[in-house]
Amino acid sequence: MLNEKQNGESKGKYAWVSKWAKMTGERARIDAKVNNTYIVYEKNGKLVKEFPNGNIIPLNTSEES
C-alpha cells in the first residue's frame, strides 16, 4: 500500500526532480568537454572522475590538487 502511494505520487508530483538531475549531469558533461576537464560523481558507492574521452577512474580522496 505504501509503495503504491509512493510510486503514484512520486511520478506525478516529483517527476521534475529526476528530469532536472539528468539534465544537470548532461550539462556537466558538456561543460567538461568544452573546458577539457572532468566531472566527479558517485558510481557503485565510490567517487569517480569521468573525462570527456569516456575514461572513468576512481577519485583518490587523499589526493590534493
Protein backbone atom coordinates (compact mmCIF):
# COMPACT_ATOMS: atom_id res chain seq x y z
CA MET A 1 0.00 0.00 0.00
CA LEU A 2 2.80 2.40 0.89
CA ASN A 3 4.69 1.56 -2.32
CA GLU A 4 1.63 2.25 -4.43
CA LYS A 5 1.22 5.69 -2.87
CA GLN A 6 4.92 6.49 -3.20
CA ASN A 7 5.04 5.34 -6.82
CA GLY A 8 1.91 7.22 -7.80
CA GLU A 9 2.81 10.47 -6.03
CA SER A 10 6.50 10.41 -6.88
CA LYS A 11 5.91 10.00 -10.59
CA GLY A 12 3.41 12.85 -10.79
CA LYS A 13 4.42 15.29 -8.11
CA TYR A 14 8.21 14.97 -8.16
CA ALA A 15 8.91 13.74 -11.69
CA TRP A 16 10.63 17.04 -12.46
CA VAL A 17 13.39 16.23 -9.93
CA SER A 18 14.61 13.20 -11.90
CA LYS A 19 14.45 15.14 -15.15
CA TRP A 20 16.31 18.09 -13.63
CA ALA A 21 19.04 15.84 -12.16
CA LYS A 22 19.54 14.11 -15.52
CA MET A 23 19.75 17.44 -17.37
CA THR A 24 22.25 18.76 -14.79
CA GLY A 25 24.50 15.73 -15.34
CA GLU A 26 24.30 16.12 -19.10
CA ARG A 27 25.19 19.81 -18.80
CA ALA A 28 28.17 18.96 -16.58
CA ARG A 29 29.46 16.55 -19.23
CA ILE A 30 29.12 19.21 -21.93
CA ASP A 31 30.95 21.79 -19.79
CA ALA A 32 33.72 19.29 -19.02
CA LYS A 33 34.18 18.57 -22.71
CA VAL A 34 34.30 22.27 -23.64
CA ASN A 35 36.75 23.08 -20.84
CA ASN A 36 38.81 19.88 -21.26
CA THR A 37 38.29 18.83 -17.65
CA TYR A 38 36.38 16.08 -15.84
CA ILE A 39 33.26 15.57 -13.75
CA VAL A 40 33.08 13.80 -10.40
CA TYR A 41 30.16 11.64 -9.33
CA GLU A 42 29.32 8.58 -7.28
CA LYS A 43 29.25 5.21 -9.01
CA ASN A 44 28.68 1.98 -7.09
CA GLY A 45 29.23 3.78 -3.81
CA LYS A 46 32.60 5.31 -4.78
CA LEU A 47 33.57 8.68 -6.20
CA VAL A 48 34.92 8.61 -9.76
CA LYS A 49 36.27 11.06 -12.32
CA GLU A 50 34.84 10.89 -15.84
CA PHE A 51 36.87 12.52 -18.60
CA PRO A 52 35.48 13.81 -21.91
CA ASN A 53 37.06 10.86 -23.77
CA GLY A 54 34.94 8.45 -21.70
CA ASN A 55 37.66 7.24 -19.34
CA ILE A 56 36.38 6.73 -15.79
CA ILE A 57 38.88 6.41 -12.94
CA PRO A 58 38.41 6.23 -9.15
CA LEU A 59 38.85 9.51 -7.32
CA ASN A 60 41.67 9.33 -4.82
CA THR A 61 40.23 11.33 -1.91
CA SER A 62 43.66 11.73 -0.29
CA GLU A 63 44.91 13.44 -3.49
CA GLU A 64 45.30 17.22 -3.23
CA SER A 65 45.04 19.42 -6.30
